[in-house]
Structure formats: C-alpha cells, structure tokens
Amino acid sequence: MTGKISVNSQARFTEAITRLNTMFRDKKYAVVSLHPGKDRPLDQNALWFALYQRVAEMMQIGGAEDACSYCKLHFGVQILHNEDADFREGWYHTMRHLSYGQKLDLMGGGALFGPDGFQVIRLFNHARGSQYTDRIVAGFTAHGVVLTDLLGEVAA
C-alpha cells in the first residue's frame, strides 16, 4: 500500500490518515512527504516537450533534450532560486562554482542525477509550471521562435 495521495477534501484527508495508520501499524516505519498546492498536470509535461522540440528545431541547438537542459537552467532554476530559500541555499553551495557548461550538462540526463538530470521542473507545482511555460514562451519569442500555437494545441 504505497503511493501518492492528493488531499483535496475531508474524505481524501481521512483516506490519507487511514493509509498512513495502516502502513505504520503493519511495517512500524513510514516515510511521509508533504507539500502544499496542486501537482502539475501531465498536460504541462506534454506542452514542455512540444516547446523543447520547437525551440531545438528553430534555434538549431541540438535536440529536445538540449533545449530542455537550457530551459531548466535559464528559466526553471531562476524560478526556484527566487521562490525557495532552501533551493537557493543549496544551489549556492553546490552549483555556483561550476562553469556554465558543467551546469548545463548537469541539467540533462546522466549518471549523477539519473535520466532526467538535475531536479528542477520536478519540483514545480502547477503555478510554478505555468510560470516556467510563460518564461520559455517569452524568452524564445524574443528570438523569433513562434510558440503560441503550441499553447492551444495541448490545452485542446
């Protein structure tokens, strides 16, 4: 009985407490992770992938993975840096001394952080994800990349 549960009603709250109580009673050990707000929807993931593909194609910066790494470093890290003191402190202590190229490499998949690279967008809730999307669109629109058509495609 593992997994994730979103608590958005009294019934779901009761279910979460019951599951935790059962898990602790049966195993005498449980790990609990809590955070406020909603998770980002899967549609955001699909939208981001489409944005990465378009950016990579139009900016000729490699593939979607390269565009993802770029966006995570330039837009995602800044969002977390501005809004999360723990992230900001961790970034300062572990990443600031690295070169730009090293930081960019760590955003992509590899042995150190796994196939998704350094955790940035996985830390987003829906609001941060929307902000990330807006920053990608604004950042690349300024360079002539048309992305607004993709915004309606995924939502439809």
C-alpha atoms as a PDB file:
ATOM      1  CA  MET A   1       0.000   0.000   0.000  1.00  0.00           C
ATOM      2  CA  THR A   2       2.428   2.639  -1.191  1.00  0.00           C
ATOM      3  CA  GLY A   3       1.843   5.557  -3.460  1.00  0.00           C
ATOM      4  CA  LYS A   4       0.835   9.142  -3.510  1.00  0.00           C
ATOM      5  CA  ILE A   5      -2.414  10.704  -2.434  1.00  0.00           C
ATOM      6  CA  SER A   6      -3.603  14.263  -3.026  1.00  0.00           C
ATOM      7  CA  VAL A   7      -5.662  15.601  -0.161  1.00  0.00           C
ATOM      8  CA  ASN A   8      -8.327  17.931  -1.501  1.00  0.00           C
ATOM      9  CA  SER A   9     -11.357  17.021   0.594  1.00  0.00           C
ATOM     10  CA  GLN A  10     -12.249  15.729   4.027  1.00  0.00           C
ATOM     11  CA  ALA A  11     -12.756  12.241   2.556  1.00  0.00           C
ATOM     12  CA  ARG A  12      -9.270  12.238   0.973  1.00  0.00           C
ATOM     13  CA  PHE A  13      -7.787  13.542   4.237  1.00  0.00           C
ATOM     14  CA  THR A  14      -9.412  10.657   6.123  1.00  0.00           C
ATOM     15  CA  GLU A  15      -8.144   8.207   3.489  1.00  0.00           C
ATOM     16  CA  ALA A  16      -4.601   9.549   3.817  1.00  0.00           C
ATOM     17  CA  ILE A  17      -4.643   9.247   7.607  1.00  0.00           C
ATOM     18  CA  THR A  18      -6.089   5.729   7.391  1.00  0.00           C
ATOM     19  CA  ARG A  19      -3.437   4.629   4.876  1.00  0.00           C
ATOM     20  CA  LEU A  20      -0.645   6.111   6.982  1.00  0.00           C
ATOM     21  CA  ASN A  21      -2.010   4.486  10.127  1.00  0.00           C
ATOM     22  CA  THR A  22      -2.261   1.095   8.398  1.00  0.00           C
ATOM     23  CA  MET A  23       1.218   1.367   6.932  1.00  0.00           C
ATOM     24  CA  PHE A  24       2.742   2.297  10.262  1.00  0.00           C
ATOM     25  CA  ARG A  25       0.820  -0.429  12.106  1.00  0.00           C
ATOM     26  CA  ASP A  26       1.922  -3.078   9.586  1.00  0.00           C
ATOM     27  CA  LYS A  27       5.519  -2.006   8.965  1.00  0.00           C
ATOM     28  CA  LYS A  28       6.365   0.148  12.016  1.00  0.00           C
ATOM     29  CA  TYR A  29       8.018   2.573   9.624  1.00  0.00           C
ATOM     30  CA  ALA A  30       6.744   5.033   7.037  1.00  0.00           C
ATOM     31  CA  VAL A  31       8.217   7.883   5.039  1.00  0.00           C
ATOM     32  CA  VAL A  32       5.920  10.861   4.539  1.00  0.00           C
ATOM     33  CA  SER A  33       6.449  13.781   2.184  1.00  0.00           C
ATOM     34  CA  LEU A  34       4.083  16.748   2.289  1.00  0.00           C
ATOM     35  CA  HIS A  35       3.786  19.885   0.212  1.00  0.00           C
ATOM     36  CA  PRO A  36       1.001  22.423  -0.261  1.00  0.00           C
ATOM     37  CA  GLY A  37      -0.651  23.117  -3.580  1.00  0.00           C
ATOM     38  CA  LYS A  38      -1.549  21.023  -6.567  1.00  0.00           C
ATOM     39  CA  ASP A  39       0.766  18.842  -8.602  1.00  0.00           C
ATOM     40  CA  ARG A  40       1.325  19.977 -12.133  1.00  0.00           C
ATOM     41  CA  PRO A  41      -0.832  18.175 -14.698  1.00  0.00           C
ATOM     42  CA  LEU A  42       0.519  15.774 -17.266  1.00  0.00           C
ATOM     43  CA  ASP A  43      -0.563  18.253 -19.932  1.00  0.00           C
ATOM     44  CA  GLN A  44       2.225  20.555 -18.765  1.00  0.00           C
ATOM     45  CA  ASN A  45       4.748  17.796 -19.436  1.00  0.00           C
ATOM     46  CA  ALA A  46       3.390  17.307 -22.952  1.00  0.00           C
ATOM     47  CA  LEU A  47       3.417  21.049 -23.574  1.00  0.00           C
ATOM     48  CA  TRP A  48       7.001  21.402 -22.376  1.00  0.00           C
ATOM     49  CA  PHE A  49       8.154  18.585 -24.631  1.00  0.00           C
ATOM     50  CA  ALA A  50       6.471  20.269 -27.610  1.00  0.00           C
ATOM     51  CA  LEU A  51       8.088  23.589 -26.672  1.00  0.00           C
ATOM     52  CA  TYR A  52      11.504  21.944 -26.344  1.00  0.00           C
ATOM     53  CA  GLN A  53      11.136  20.323 -29.754  1.00  0.00           C
ATOM     54  CA  ARG A  54      10.163  23.597 -31.422  1.00  0.00           C
ATOM     55  CA  VAL A  55      12.945  25.544 -29.698  1.00  0.00           C
ATOM     56  CA  ALA A  56      15.547  22.940 -30.674  1.00  0.00           C
ATOM     57  CA  GLU A  57      14.361  22.953 -34.273  1.00  0.00           C
ATOM     58  CA  MET A  58      14.119  26.727 -34.661  1.00  0.00           C
ATOM     59  CA  MET A  59      17.214  27.688 -32.669  1.00  0.00           C
ATOM     60  CA  GLN A  60      19.288  24.782 -34.002  1.00  0.00           C
ATOM     61  CA  ILE A  61      20.622  23.928 -30.551  1.00  0.00           C
ATOM     62  CA  GLY A  62      20.512  20.163 -30.834  1.00  0.00           C
ATOM     63  CA  GLY A  63      17.563  18.055 -29.827  1.00  0.00           C
ATOM     64  CA  ALA A  64      14.673  18.467 -27.419  1.00  0.00           C
ATOM     65  CA  GLU A  65      16.908  17.218 -24.586  1.00  0.00           C
ATOM     66  CA  ASP A  66      19.343  20.077 -25.189  1.00  0.00           C
ATOM     67  CA  ALA A  67      16.501  22.605 -25.230  1.00  0.00           C
ATOM     68  CA  CYS A  68      15.157  21.085 -22.016  1.00  0.00           C
ATOM     69  CA  SER A  69      18.539  21.458 -20.313  1.00  0.00           C
ATOM     70  CA  TYR A  70      18.765  25.061 -21.483  1.00  0.00           C
ATOM     71  CA  CYS A  71      15.249  25.901 -20.275  1.00  0.00           C
ATOM     72  CA  LYS A  72      15.757  24.203 -16.922  1.00  0.00           C
ATOM     73  CA  LEU A  73      18.961  26.147 -16.315  1.00  0.00           C
ATOM     74  CA  HIS A  74      17.827  29.531 -17.625  1.00  0.00           C
ATOM     75  CA  PHE A  75      14.191  29.595 -16.556  1.00  0.00           C
ATOM     76  CA  GLY A  76      13.499  26.821 -14.058  1.00  0.00           C
ATOM     77  CA  VAL A  77      16.480  27.361 -11.785  1.00  0.00           C
ATOM     78  CA  GLN A  78      15.667  31.079 -11.631  1.00  0.00           C
ATOM     79  CA  ILE A  79      12.074  30.380 -10.566  1.00  0.00           C
ATOM     80  CA  LEU A  80      13.196  28.081  -7.762  1.00  0.00           C
ATOM     81  CA  HIS A  81      16.051  30.399  -6.826  1.00  0.00           C
ATOM     82  CA  ASN A  82      13.607  33.311  -6.425  1.00  0.00           C
ATOM     83  CA  GLU A  83      10.887  31.399  -4.564  1.00  0.00           C
ATOM     84  CA  ASP A  84      12.566  28.698  -2.480  1.00  0.00           C
ATOM     85  CA  ALA A  85      15.170  29.634   0.141  1.00  0.00           C
ATOM     86  CA  ASP A  86      16.277  26.005   0.609  1.00  0.00           C
ATOM     87  CA  PHE A  87      16.849  25.597  -3.125  1.00  0.00           C
ATOM     88  CA  ARG A  88      18.669  28.930  -3.300  1.00  0.00           C
ATOM     89  CA  GLU A  89      20.999  27.958  -0.460  1.00  0.00           C
ATOM     90  CA  GLY A  90      21.636  24.503  -1.917  1.00  0.00           C
ATOM     91  CA  TRP A  91      22.314  25.951  -5.369  1.00  0.00           C
ATOM     92  CA  TYR A  92      24.698  28.495  -3.896  1.00  0.00           C
ATOM     93  CA  HIS A  93      26.690  25.878  -2.009  1.00  0.00           C
ATOM     94  CA  THR A  94      26.838  23.174  -4.662  1.00  0.00           C
ATOM     95  CA  MET A  95      26.462  24.708  -8.100  1.00  0.00           C
ATOM     96  CA  ARG A  96      27.671  28.313  -8.201  1.00  0.00           C
ATOM     97  CA  HIS A  97      31.334  27.339  -8.565  1.00  0.00           C
ATOM     98  CA  LEU A  98      30.679  25.213 -11.649  1.00  0.00           C
ATOM     99  CA  SER A  99      31.163  26.548 -15.153  1.00  0.00           C
ATOM    100  CA  TYR A 100      28.157  27.318 -17.333  1.00  0.00           C
ATOM    101  CA  GLY A 101      28.891  24.231 -19.442  1.00  0.00           C
ATOM    102  CA  GLN A 102      29.026  21.995 -16.382  1.00  0.00           C
ATOM    103  CA  LYS A 103      25.721  23.360 -15.090  1.00  0.00           C
ATOM    104  CA  LEU A 104      24.126  22.870 -18.491  1.00  0.00           C
ATOM    105  CA  ASP A 105      25.433  19.294 -18.668  1.00  0.00           C
ATOM    106  CA  LEU A 106      24.012  18.504 -15.218  1.00  0.00           C
ATOM    107  CA  MET A 107      20.543  19.630 -16.308  1.00  0.00           C
ATOM    108  CA  GLY A 108      20.448  16.720 -18.773  1.00  0.00           C
ATOM    109  CA  GLY A 109      20.396  13.026 -18.077  1.00  0.00           C
ATOM    110  CA  GLY A 110      23.481  11.309 -16.758  1.00  0.00           C
ATOM    111  CA  ALA A 111      24.951   9.049 -14.113  1.00  0.00           C
ATOM    112  CA  LEU A 112      24.860  11.603 -11.311  1.00  0.00           C
ATOM    113  CA  PHE A 113      21.200  12.699 -11.390  1.00  0.00           C
ATOM    114  CA  GLY A 114      19.654   9.937 -13.490  1.00  0.00           C
ATOM    115  CA  PRO A 115      17.858  10.145 -16.832  1.00  0.00           C
ATOM    116  CA  ASP A 116      16.038  13.396 -16.003  1.00  0.00           C
ATOM    117  CA  GLY A 117      19.125  15.269 -14.864  1.00  0.00           C
ATOM    118  CA  PHE A 118      19.261  17.787 -12.042  1.00  0.00           C
ATOM    119  CA  GLN A 119      15.837  18.083 -10.443  1.00  0.00           C
ATOM    120  CA  VAL A 120      14.283  21.403 -11.361  1.00  0.00           C
ATOM    121  CA  ILE A 121      10.917  21.051 -13.064  1.00  0.00           C
ATOM    122  CA  ARG A 122      10.039  18.011 -10.972  1.00  0.00           C
ATOM    123  CA  LEU A 123      10.000  20.370  -8.010  1.00  0.00           C
ATOM    124  CA  PHE A 124       7.326  22.562  -9.609  1.00  0.00           C
ATOM    125  CA  ASN A 125       3.722  22.724  -8.583  1.00  0.00           C
ATOM    126  CA  HIS A 126       1.134  23.848 -11.125  1.00  0.00           C
ATOM    127  CA  ALA A 127       1.721  27.570 -10.523  1.00  0.00           C
ATOM    128  CA  ARG A 128       5.488  27.295 -10.947  1.00  0.00           C
ATOM    129  CA  GLY A 129       4.945  25.157 -14.018  1.00  0.00           C
ATOM    130  CA  SER A 130       2.757  27.852 -15.558  1.00  0.00           C
ATOM    131  CA  GLN A 131       5.382  30.458 -14.761  1.00  0.00           C
ATOM    132  CA  TYR A 132       8.034  28.231 -16.389  1.00  0.00           C
ATOM    133  CA  THR A 133       5.915  27.881 -19.524  1.00  0.00           C
ATOM    134  CA  ASP A 134       5.397  31.645 -19.690  1.00  0.00           C
ATOM    135  CA  ARG A 135       9.131  32.289 -19.337  1.00  0.00           C
ATOM    136  CA  ILE A 136      10.017  29.804 -22.080  1.00  0.00           C
ATOM    137  CA  VAL A 137       7.493  31.368 -24.450  1.00  0.00           C
ATOM    138  CA  ALA A 138       8.588  34.929 -23.659  1.00  0.00           C
ATOM    139  CA  GLY A 139      12.283  34.083 -23.797  1.00  0.00           C
ATOM    140  CA  PHE A 140      12.204  32.403 -27.178  1.00  0.00           C
ATOM    141  CA  THR A 141       9.530  34.614 -28.729  1.00  0.00           C
ATOM    142  CA  ALA A 142      12.042  37.430 -28.245  1.00  0.00           C
ATOM    143  CA  HIS A 143      14.356  35.428 -30.550  1.00  0.00           C
ATOM    144  CA  GLY A 144      11.689  34.941 -33.209  1.00  0.00           C
ATOM    145  CA  VAL A 145      10.533  31.451 -32.241  1.00  0.00           C
ATOM    146  CA  VAL A 146       6.765  31.108 -32.557  1.00  0.00           C
ATOM    147  CA  LEU A 147       5.445  29.015 -29.682  1.00  0.00           C
ATOM    148  CA  THR A 148       1.983  30.432 -29.007  1.00  0.00           C
ATOM    149  CA  ASP A 149       0.334  27.987 -31.412  1.00  0.00           C
ATOM    150  CA  LEU A 150       1.504  25.117 -29.181  1.00  0.00           C
ATOM    151  CA  LEU A 151      -0.219  26.563 -26.138  1.00  0.00           C
ATOM    152  CA  GLY A 152      -3.653  25.965 -27.622  1.00  0.00           C
ATOM    153  CA  GLU A 153      -2.814  22.519 -29.050  1.00  0.00           C
ATOM    154  CA  VAL A 154      -2.099  20.845 -25.735  1.00  0.00           C
ATOM    155  CA  ALA A 155      -4.979  22.516 -23.912  1.00  0.00           C
ATOM    156  CA  ALA A 156      -7.459  21.375 -26.588  1.00  0.00           C
END
